[in-house]
Each structure stands twice: as C-alpha cells, then as structure tokens.
Amino acid sequence: MLRTKNSKAQVGSEQYELDNLYKNSRCGLWGICIYLAVTLIAFYCKDQSLATMLSPQLMQKLGAVPPVFMAVVVLWISTLSALTVIVGRLFHATIPSSTRSQLAFRIGFYILFFAVGGLGQWFNELFVSGLVVLALQHYNVSSYYSRAIDMNLAICNSMPQESL
C-alpha cells in the first residue's frame, strides 16, 4: 500500500500528539524542581520577616500583621483539600489539575508566612506539606500521561504498516 498525503499528515499529527504527551508527563517533575529552588531561597530568609524589612512608618500604614495561627489554618486546609483533589483524580483516572496552580499555592505559603513572621517557626511544616502535595501531583501527572502514551503507542502499533 502506498502512502498518500493524508497518511503522512496523520502520522505527523500523531507524532506531534505523542511529543506533547511526553512533554506534559514531565510537567510535575519541573514543579518539584522549581519548588526546591524556591525552598532554598525561603530557607535563606527564614529568620527574617516582612515587618523587620520595612520601616515602622510603612508597617503602621499597612496595619497590623495577621496572627500566625490564621496562616497555619489556611495552610492545613489548603493542603488537605489539595491532597483530596489529587487523590480523587488519581482514583478516577481523570486529567490532572495544573501543576502550576499547585506550585503557586505552595510558593504563596512561603510568602504568606514570611509576611506574618512565622517562616522560621513553620519552615519544616511548609516544606514537607508542599513536597508531599507536589510529589503526589507529579505521580498523578506522570501516571495519567504514561497511560495516555501507552494507549497512543498501542493505537499506532495496531495501524497497518504501509509499504513504499
């Protein structure tokens, strides 16, 4: 059987889709790498706070700093809900949520705890909770896209081989 223009276009689009699946499968790992880089910066700044870096006049204009326990409550609620969503997506084998949003939330907690002055006290909890969420997110992303890649390769292999 000879190749036609349509079969070449179909093979090209399948290759493009396969390349996108491989690219998407690494998205969770990039999130973990970026998180670890931001963690190094947060570790360097863990003994500082926003209140110590700004002038007293500016802090007075900004108002009172919220208590640390409020940030802790938000951290644990966010962590538990993120884990619930990720486990639900794993269980139902649905498309994973965005790694960027999970990463933004975890980095946002470093900023929040820096602002309220509890980064040094809660650094270990912040790091571990973020690492657990992002590791589970990476597992979700890699397992979903690995299944999609396997299905795509199975479809490609089941297509009749065309000869020249």
Protein backbone atom coordinates (compact mmCIF):
# COMPACT_ATOMS: atom_id res chain seq x y z
CA MET A 1 0.00 0.00 0.00
CA LEU A 2 1.38 3.40 -0.93
CA ARG A 3 1.44 6.36 1.38
CA THR A 4 -0.82 9.20 0.49
CA LYS A 5 -0.72 12.79 1.56
CA ASN A 6 -3.37 12.18 4.22
CA SER A 7 -1.49 9.26 5.77
CA LYS A 8 1.65 11.41 6.07
CA ALA A 9 -0.35 14.18 7.73
CA GLN A 10 -1.95 11.67 10.06
CA VAL A 11 1.43 10.24 11.08
CA GLY A 12 2.78 13.76 11.62
CA SER A 13 -0.14 14.75 13.82
CA GLU A 14 0.15 11.52 15.83
CA GLN A 15 3.84 12.21 16.38
CA TYR A 16 3.03 15.77 17.47
CA GLU A 17 0.41 14.45 19.91
CA LEU A 18 2.87 11.89 21.26
CA ASP A 19 5.53 14.57 21.75
CA ASN A 20 3.00 16.70 23.66
CA LEU A 21 2.13 13.75 25.88
CA TYR A 22 5.80 13.20 26.71
CA LYS A 23 6.24 16.92 27.40
CA ASN A 24 3.18 17.01 29.67
CA SER A 25 4.36 13.92 31.56
CA ARG A 26 7.42 15.84 32.78
CA CYS A 27 5.42 18.84 33.99
CA GLY A 28 5.09 17.53 37.57
CA LEU A 29 8.83 16.95 37.87
CA TRP A 30 9.54 20.51 36.79
CA GLY A 31 7.17 21.70 39.51
CA ILE A 32 9.13 19.81 42.15
CA CYS A 33 12.43 21.23 40.88
CA ILE A 34 11.12 24.80 40.95
CA TYR A 35 9.67 24.23 44.42
CA LEU A 36 13.03 23.01 45.72
CA ALA A 37 14.76 26.09 44.26
CA VAL A 38 12.25 28.42 45.93
CA THR A 39 12.67 26.44 49.17
CA LEU A 40 16.38 27.26 49.16
CA ILE A 41 15.54 30.97 48.93
CA ALA A 42 12.95 30.63 51.71
CA PHE A 43 15.46 28.77 53.87
CA TYR A 44 17.89 31.64 53.44
CA CYS A 45 15.19 34.14 54.52
CA LYS A 46 13.56 32.04 57.26
CA ASP A 47 14.86 34.19 60.13
CA GLN A 48 13.51 37.39 58.60
CA SER A 49 10.03 38.77 58.19
CA LEU A 50 8.34 41.50 56.25
CA ALA A 51 7.95 43.60 59.40
CA THR A 52 11.71 43.63 60.02
CA MET A 53 12.50 44.61 56.45
CA LEU A 54 10.08 47.54 56.17
CA SER A 55 10.23 50.80 58.06
CA PRO A 56 7.96 51.25 61.11
CA GLN A 57 6.11 54.09 59.36
CA LEU A 58 5.27 51.87 56.40
CA MET A 59 4.23 49.00 58.66
CA GLN A 60 1.95 51.38 60.54
CA LYS A 61 0.31 52.39 57.25
CA LEU A 62 -0.12 48.73 56.25
CA GLY A 63 -1.78 47.87 59.54
CA ALA A 64 -1.45 45.01 61.96
CA VAL A 65 0.08 41.74 60.81
CA PRO A 66 -2.37 38.83 60.96
CA PRO A 67 -1.60 36.19 63.59
CA VAL A 68 0.45 33.18 62.53
CA PHE A 69 -2.23 30.69 63.58
CA MET A 70 -4.51 32.03 60.83
CA ALA A 71 -1.85 31.28 58.25
CA VAL A 72 -1.38 27.81 59.74
CA VAL A 73 -5.11 27.10 59.48
CA VAL A 74 -5.12 28.19 55.84
CA LEU A 75 -2.05 26.03 55.17
CA TRP A 76 -3.63 22.85 56.55
CA ILE A 77 -7.00 23.43 54.91
CA SER A 78 -5.29 24.05 51.57
CA THR A 79 -3.01 21.02 51.96
CA LEU A 80 -5.85 18.67 52.85
CA SER A 81 -8.04 19.92 50.02
CA ALA A 82 -5.19 19.66 47.50
CA LEU A 83 -4.47 16.10 48.59
CA THR A 84 -8.16 15.23 48.36
CA VAL A 85 -8.43 16.63 44.83
CA ILE A 86 -5.27 14.89 43.64
CA VAL A 87 -6.25 11.52 45.15
CA GLY A 88 -9.72 11.87 43.63
CA ARG A 89 -8.21 12.49 40.20
CA LEU A 90 -5.90 9.51 40.67
CA PHE A 91 -8.78 7.26 41.71
CA HIS A 92 -10.99 8.26 38.79
CA ALA A 93 -8.09 8.45 36.28
CA THR A 94 -9.15 11.89 35.10
CA ILE A 95 -6.86 14.53 33.67
CA PRO A 96 -4.63 16.01 36.40
CA SER A 97 -5.06 19.55 37.60
CA SER A 98 -2.44 22.12 36.72
CA THR A 99 0.92 21.68 38.40
CA ARG A 100 1.42 25.43 38.09
CA SER A 101 -1.53 26.15 40.37
CA GLN A 102 -0.30 23.67 42.99
CA LEU A 103 3.18 25.18 42.74
CA ALA A 104 1.82 28.73 43.03
CA PHE A 105 -0.10 27.84 46.19
CA ARG A 106 2.94 26.23 47.80
CA ILE A 107 5.19 29.20 46.95
CA GLY A 108 2.43 31.54 48.12
CA PHE A 109 2.56 29.93 51.55
CA TYR A 110 6.25 30.76 51.85
CA ILE A 111 5.38 34.37 51.04
CA LEU A 112 2.42 34.37 53.46
CA PHE A 113 4.50 33.02 56.34
CA PHE A 114 7.27 35.50 55.51
CA ALA A 115 4.70 38.30 55.74
CA VAL A 116 3.22 37.19 59.06
CA GLY A 117 6.61 36.40 60.57
CA GLY A 118 6.26 32.65 61.08
CA LEU A 119 8.55 31.35 58.34
CA GLY A 120 11.32 30.28 60.71
CA GLN A 121 8.95 28.60 63.12
CA TRP A 122 6.88 26.75 60.49
CA PHE A 123 9.52 26.18 57.80
CA ASN A 124 9.68 22.38 58.19
CA GLU A 125 5.90 22.00 58.02
CA LEU A 126 5.71 24.26 54.97
CA PHE A 127 8.44 22.32 53.21
CA VAL A 128 7.05 18.87 53.95
CA SER A 129 3.45 19.75 53.11
CA GLY A 130 4.50 21.34 49.83
CA LEU A 131 6.75 18.44 48.94
CA VAL A 132 4.03 15.89 49.67
CA VAL A 133 1.45 17.75 47.59
CA LEU A 134 3.82 18.27 44.67
CA ALA A 135 5.14 14.70 44.79
CA LEU A 136 1.60 13.33 44.68
CA GLN A 137 0.80 15.79 41.89
CA HIS A 138 3.85 14.55 39.96
CA TYR A 139 2.74 10.95 40.44
CA ASN A 140 -0.74 11.88 39.22
CA VAL A 141 0.63 13.68 36.15
CA SER A 142 3.17 11.02 35.24
CA SER A 143 0.77 8.10 35.69
CA TYR A 144 -2.01 9.77 33.68
CA TYR A 145 0.26 10.71 30.79
CA SER A 146 2.06 7.35 30.87
CA ARG A 147 -1.29 5.64 30.36
CA ALA A 148 -2.10 8.08 27.56
CA ILE A 149 1.27 7.44 25.91
CA ASP A 150 0.78 3.67 26.17
CA MET A 151 -2.68 3.94 24.60
CA ASN A 152 -1.35 6.17 21.85
CA LEU A 153 1.51 3.79 21.09
CA ALA A 154 -0.89 0.84 21.07
CA ILE A 155 -3.07 2.62 18.54
CA CYS A 156 -0.04 3.46 16.40
CA ASN A 157 1.20 -0.13 16.55
CA SER A 158 -2.22 -1.52 15.63
CA MET A 159 -2.34 0.56 12.44
CA PRO A 160 -1.44 -1.43 9.34
CA GLN A 161 2.15 -0.96 8.27
CA GLU A 162 2.35 0.85 4.98
CA SER A 163 4.97 -0.12 2.44
CA LEU A 164 6.57 2.03 -0.15
